[in-house]
Amino acid sequence: MVKSTTASLDVNLESPYQGTQVSIPVRNIYQLPTAPQYLFDEEARRSRRNLSDNLNFFTGCGYLLRALGGGASGLIAGVKSFKPSDTAKLRANWVLQPSDLGEDCINIC
Protein backbone atom coordinates (compact mmCIF):
# COMPACT_ATOMS: atom_id res chain seq x y z
CA MET A 1 0.00 0.00 0.00
CA VAL A 2 1.50 3.31 -1.02
CA LYS A 3 0.54 6.50 0.80
CA SER A 4 1.51 9.77 -0.68
CA THR A 5 0.44 13.32 -0.23
CA THR A 6 0.33 15.85 -2.99
CA ALA A 7 1.81 18.57 -0.78
CA SER A 8 5.03 16.65 -0.03
CA LEU A 9 6.91 13.70 -1.47
CA ASP A 10 6.46 11.62 1.70
CA VAL A 11 6.01 7.96 0.64
CA ASN A 12 5.23 5.17 3.11
CA LEU A 13 5.83 1.65 1.73
CA GLU A 14 4.51 -1.25 3.76
CA SER A 15 6.27 -4.62 3.97
CA PRO A 16 4.32 -7.68 2.76
CA TYR A 17 5.77 -9.65 5.70
CA GLN A 18 4.62 -7.17 8.33
CA GLY A 19 2.56 -8.88 11.01
CA THR A 20 3.69 -12.45 10.29
CA GLN A 21 4.78 -14.42 13.34
CA VAL A 22 6.83 -17.08 11.52
CA SER A 23 10.54 -16.63 12.02
CA ILE A 24 12.81 -18.86 9.95
CA PRO A 25 16.43 -18.97 11.09
CA VAL A 26 18.84 -18.24 8.27
CA ARG A 27 20.99 -21.30 9.02
CA ASN A 28 18.02 -23.61 8.35
CA ILE A 29 17.63 -22.13 4.88
CA TYR A 30 21.23 -22.72 3.87
CA GLN A 31 21.85 -26.11 5.49
CA LEU A 32 21.13 -28.23 2.43
CA PRO A 33 21.59 -32.02 2.49
CA THR A 34 24.72 -33.36 0.86
CA ALA A 35 23.47 -36.92 0.29
CA PRO A 36 20.91 -37.67 -2.41
CA GLN A 37 17.32 -37.75 -1.23
CA TYR A 38 15.01 -40.51 -2.41
CA LEU A 39 11.26 -40.69 -2.40
CA PHE A 40 11.05 -44.43 -1.73
CA ASP A 41 13.17 -46.70 0.48
CA GLU A 42 13.73 -49.12 -2.40
CA GLU A 43 15.66 -46.45 -4.30
CA ALA A 44 17.85 -45.64 -1.31
CA ARG A 45 18.74 -49.31 -0.70
CA ARG A 46 19.65 -50.03 -4.31
CA SER A 47 23.40 -50.30 -4.87
CA ARG A 48 24.97 -48.14 -7.54
CA ARG A 49 28.03 -48.43 -9.73
CA ASN A 50 31.24 -46.80 -8.61
CA LEU A 51 33.73 -44.92 -10.80
CA SER A 52 35.68 -47.96 -12.02
CA ASP A 53 32.47 -49.81 -12.90
CA ASN A 54 31.25 -46.79 -14.87
CA LEU A 55 34.61 -46.50 -16.63
CA ASN A 56 34.55 -50.15 -17.69
CA PHE A 57 30.90 -50.01 -18.70
CA PHE A 58 31.21 -46.93 -20.89
CA THR A 59 34.48 -48.11 -22.43
CA GLY A 60 32.76 -51.36 -23.42
CA CYS A 61 29.77 -49.46 -24.79
CA GLY A 62 32.06 -47.25 -26.86
CA TYR A 63 33.93 -50.26 -28.23
CA LEU A 64 30.68 -52.03 -29.07
CA LEU A 65 29.25 -48.98 -30.85
CA ARG A 66 32.43 -48.53 -32.87
CA ALA A 67 32.44 -52.22 -33.76
CA LEU A 68 28.83 -52.03 -34.96
CA GLY A 69 29.56 -48.84 -36.88
CA GLY A 70 32.62 -50.39 -38.51
CA GLY A 71 30.67 -53.53 -39.38
CA ALA A 72 27.84 -51.49 -40.90
CA SER A 73 30.23 -49.36 -42.93
CA GLY A 74 32.06 -52.50 -44.13
CA LEU A 75 28.76 -54.10 -45.10
CA ILE A 76 27.72 -51.03 -47.06
CA ALA A 77 31.11 -50.80 -48.78
CA GLY A 78 30.94 -54.51 -49.64
CA VAL A 79 27.44 -54.23 -51.09
CA LYS A 80 28.41 -51.15 -53.12
CA SER A 81 31.32 -53.04 -54.68
CA PHE A 82 29.10 -55.72 -56.23
CA LYS A 83 29.32 -56.19 -59.99
CA PRO A 84 26.54 -57.71 -62.09
CA SER A 85 28.79 -60.58 -63.15
CA ASP A 86 29.75 -61.62 -59.57
CA THR A 87 28.65 -65.02 -58.27
CA ALA A 88 26.99 -65.53 -54.88
CA LYS A 89 30.26 -66.78 -53.37
CA LEU A 90 32.13 -63.74 -54.63
CA ARG A 91 29.43 -61.39 -53.30
CA ALA A 92 29.58 -63.07 -49.89
CA ASN A 93 33.35 -62.70 -49.95
CA TRP A 94 33.04 -58.96 -50.70
CA VAL A 95 30.79 -58.51 -47.68
CA LEU A 96 32.77 -60.70 -45.28
CA GLN A 97 36.22 -59.34 -46.11
CA PRO A 98 37.01 -56.28 -44.02
CA SER A 99 37.16 -52.98 -45.84
CA ASP A 100 39.64 -50.27 -44.98
CA LEU A 101 36.95 -48.01 -43.53
CA GLY A 102 35.60 -50.71 -41.25
CA GLU A 103 39.07 -51.60 -39.99
CA ASP A 104 39.91 -47.99 -39.31
CA CYS A 105 36.69 -47.43 -37.44
CA ILE A 106 37.13 -50.45 -35.13
CA ASN A 107 40.89 -49.95 -34.60
CA ILE A 108 40.46 -46.41 -33.28
CA CYS A 109 39.37 -47.93 -29.96
C-alpha atoms as a PDB file:
ATOM      1  CA  MET A   1       0.000   0.000   0.000  1.00  0.00           C
ATOM      2  CA  VAL A   2       1.501   3.314  -1.023  1.00  0.00           C
ATOM      3  CA  LYS A   3       0.541   6.502   0.795  1.00  0.00           C
ATOM      4  CA  SER A   4       1.511   9.767  -0.680  1.00  0.00           C
ATOM      5  CA  THR A   5       0.436  13.319  -0.225  1.00  0.00           C
ATOM      6  CA  THR A   6       0.330  15.846  -2.992  1.00  0.00           C
ATOM      7  CA  ALA A   7       1.811  18.565  -0.783  1.00  0.00           C
ATOM      8  CA  SER A   8       5.026  16.655  -0.032  1.00  0.00           C
ATOM      9  CA  LEU A   9       6.911  13.696  -1.472  1.00  0.00           C
ATOM     10  CA  ASP A  10       6.460  11.624   1.702  1.00  0.00           C
ATOM     11  CA  VAL A  11       6.010   7.961   0.638  1.00  0.00           C
ATOM     12  CA  ASN A  12       5.234   5.172   3.112  1.00  0.00           C
ATOM     13  CA  LEU A  13       5.833   1.647   1.733  1.00  0.00           C
ATOM     14  CA  GLU A  14       4.508  -1.245   3.759  1.00  0.00           C
ATOM     15  CA  SER A  15       6.273  -4.624   3.968  1.00  0.00           C
ATOM     16  CA  PRO A  16       4.318  -7.676   2.762  1.00  0.00           C
ATOM     17  CA  TYR A  17       5.773  -9.649   5.703  1.00  0.00           C
ATOM     18  CA  GLN A  18       4.615  -7.174   8.333  1.00  0.00           C
ATOM     19  CA  GLY A  19       2.563  -8.883  11.009  1.00  0.00           C
ATOM     20  CA  THR A  20       3.694 -12.449  10.291  1.00  0.00           C
ATOM     21  CA  GLN A  21       4.782 -14.416  13.335  1.00  0.00           C
ATOM     22  CA  VAL A  22       6.835 -17.083  11.517  1.00  0.00           C
ATOM     23  CA  SER A  23      10.538 -16.628  12.017  1.00  0.00           C
ATOM     24  CA  ILE A  24      12.813 -18.855   9.946  1.00  0.00           C
ATOM     25  CA  PRO A  25      16.429 -18.973  11.088  1.00  0.00           C
ATOM     26  CA  VAL A  26      18.835 -18.243   8.268  1.00  0.00           C
ATOM     27  CA  ARG A  27      20.989 -21.297   9.021  1.00  0.00           C
ATOM     28  CA  ASN A  28      18.018 -23.611   8.347  1.00  0.00           C
ATOM     29  CA  ILE A  29      17.626 -22.131   4.884  1.00  0.00           C
ATOM     30  CA  TYR A  30      21.230 -22.719   3.866  1.00  0.00           C
ATOM     31  CA  GLN A  31      21.848 -26.114   5.493  1.00  0.00           C
ATOM     32  CA  LEU A  32      21.129 -28.226   2.430  1.00  0.00           C
ATOM     33  CA  PRO A  33      21.587 -32.019   2.486  1.00  0.00           C
ATOM     34  CA  THR A  34      24.716 -33.362   0.858  1.00  0.00           C
ATOM     35  CA  ALA A  35      23.466 -36.917   0.289  1.00  0.00           C
ATOM     36  CA  PRO A  36      20.906 -37.672  -2.412  1.00  0.00           C
ATOM     37  CA  GLN A  37      17.322 -37.747  -1.227  1.00  0.00           C
ATOM     38  CA  TYR A  38      15.011 -40.515  -2.414  1.00  0.00           C
ATOM     39  CA  LEU A  39      11.259 -40.693  -2.405  1.00  0.00           C
ATOM     40  CA  PHE A  40      11.054 -44.428  -1.731  1.00  0.00           C
ATOM     41  CA  ASP A  41      13.173 -46.699   0.481  1.00  0.00           C
ATOM     42  CA  GLU A  42      13.728 -49.121  -2.398  1.00  0.00           C
ATOM     43  CA  GLU A  43      15.656 -46.455  -4.296  1.00  0.00           C
ATOM     44  CA  ALA A  44      17.848 -45.641  -1.311  1.00  0.00           C
ATOM     45  CA  ARG A  45      18.742 -49.308  -0.704  1.00  0.00           C
ATOM     46  CA  ARG A  46      19.655 -50.028  -4.313  1.00  0.00           C
ATOM     47  CA  SER A  47      23.397 -50.297  -4.870  1.00  0.00           C
ATOM     48  CA  ARG A  48      24.966 -48.139  -7.535  1.00  0.00           C
ATOM     49  CA  ARG A  49      28.032 -48.431  -9.732  1.00  0.00           C
ATOM     50  CA  ASN A  50      31.243 -46.797  -8.610  1.00  0.00           C
ATOM     51  CA  LEU A  51      33.729 -44.924 -10.804  1.00  0.00           C
ATOM     52  CA  SER A  52      35.683 -47.959 -12.020  1.00  0.00           C
ATOM     53  CA  ASP A  53      32.472 -49.807 -12.896  1.00  0.00           C
ATOM     54  CA  ASN A  54      31.250 -46.792 -14.866  1.00  0.00           C
ATOM     55  CA  LEU A  55      34.608 -46.500 -16.627  1.00  0.00           C
ATOM     56  CA  ASN A  56      34.550 -50.151 -17.686  1.00  0.00           C
ATOM     57  CA  PHE A  57      30.897 -50.010 -18.697  1.00  0.00           C
ATOM     58  CA  PHE A  58      31.208 -46.928 -20.887  1.00  0.00           C
ATOM     59  CA  THR A  59      34.484 -48.114 -22.433  1.00  0.00           C
ATOM     60  CA  GLY A  60      32.764 -51.357 -23.415  1.00  0.00           C
ATOM     61  CA  CYS A  61      29.768 -49.461 -24.789  1.00  0.00           C
ATOM     62  CA  GLY A  62      32.061 -47.247 -26.857  1.00  0.00           C
ATOM     63  CA  TYR A  63      33.935 -50.257 -28.229  1.00  0.00           C
ATOM     64  CA  LEU A  64      30.681 -52.034 -29.073  1.00  0.00           C
ATOM     65  CA  LEU A  65      29.252 -48.982 -30.853  1.00  0.00           C
ATOM     66  CA  ARG A  66      32.434 -48.526 -32.866  1.00  0.00           C
ATOM     67  CA  ALA A  67      32.443 -52.224 -33.762  1.00  0.00           C
ATOM     68  CA  LEU A  68      28.828 -52.026 -34.956  1.00  0.00           C
ATOM     69  CA  GLY A  69      29.561 -48.842 -36.883  1.00  0.00           C
ATOM     70  CA  GLY A  70      32.618 -50.393 -38.506  1.00  0.00           C
ATOM     71  CA  GLY A  71      30.667 -53.535 -39.382  1.00  0.00           C
ATOM     72  CA  ALA A  72      27.839 -51.487 -40.897  1.00  0.00           C
ATOM     73  CA  SER A  73      30.230 -49.357 -42.933  1.00  0.00           C
ATOM     74  CA  GLY A  74      32.062 -52.502 -44.129  1.00  0.00           C
ATOM     75  CA  LEU A  75      28.759 -54.099 -45.102  1.00  0.00           C
ATOM     76  CA  ILE A  76      27.720 -51.027 -47.063  1.00  0.00           C
ATOM     77  CA  ALA A  77      31.109 -50.802 -48.779  1.00  0.00           C
ATOM     78  CA  GLY A  78      30.943 -54.512 -49.645  1.00  0.00           C
ATOM     79  CA  VAL A  79      27.436 -54.232 -51.090  1.00  0.00           C
ATOM     80  CA  LYS A  80      28.415 -51.149 -53.123  1.00  0.00           C
ATOM     81  CA  SER A  81      31.323 -53.039 -54.680  1.00  0.00           C
ATOM     82  CA  PHE A  82      29.103 -55.718 -56.232  1.00  0.00           C
ATOM     83  CA  LYS A  83      29.316 -56.190 -59.985  1.00  0.00           C
ATOM     84  CA  PRO A  84      26.543 -57.711 -62.087  1.00  0.00           C
ATOM     85  CA  SER A  85      28.792 -60.583 -63.153  1.00  0.00           C
ATOM     86  CA  ASP A  86      29.747 -61.625 -59.567  1.00  0.00           C
ATOM     87  CA  THR A  87      28.650 -65.020 -58.272  1.00  0.00           C
ATOM     88  CA  ALA A  88      26.989 -65.525 -54.879  1.00  0.00           C
ATOM     89  CA  LYS A  89      30.258 -66.777 -53.369  1.00  0.00           C
ATOM     90  CA  LEU A  90      32.135 -63.739 -54.627  1.00  0.00           C
ATOM     91  CA  ARG A  91      29.431 -61.388 -53.296  1.00  0.00           C
ATOM     92  CA  ALA A  92      29.578 -63.071 -49.886  1.00  0.00           C
ATOM     93  CA  ASN A  93      33.349 -62.704 -49.955  1.00  0.00           C
ATOM     94  CA  TRP A  94      33.037 -58.964 -50.704  1.00  0.00           C
ATOM     95  CA  VAL A  95      30.789 -58.509 -47.677  1.00  0.00           C
ATOM     96  CA  LEU A  96      32.769 -60.703 -45.278  1.00  0.00           C
ATOM     97  CA  GLN A  97      36.215 -59.340 -46.114  1.00  0.00           C
ATOM     98  CA  PRO A  98      37.009 -56.277 -44.018  1.00  0.00           C
ATOM     99  CA  SER A  99      37.164 -52.981 -45.835  1.00  0.00           C
ATOM    100  CA  ASP A 100      39.644 -50.267 -44.977  1.00  0.00           C
ATOM    101  CA  LEU A 101      36.951 -48.007 -43.534  1.00  0.00           C
ATOM    102  CA  GLY A 102      35.595 -50.711 -41.247  1.00  0.00           C
ATOM    103  CA  GLU A 103      39.066 -51.604 -39.989  1.00  0.00           C
ATOM    104  CA  ASP A 104      39.911 -47.990 -39.311  1.00  0.00           C
ATOM    105  CA  CYS A 105      36.693 -47.429 -37.443  1.00  0.00           C
ATOM    106  CA  ILE A 106      37.128 -50.448 -35.133  1.00  0.00           C
ATOM    107  CA  ASN A 107      40.886 -49.954 -34.604  1.00  0.00           C
ATOM    108  CA  ILE A 108      40.459 -46.414 -33.276  1.00  0.00           C
ATOM    109  CA  CYS A 109      39.374 -47.932 -29.961  1.00  0.00           C
END
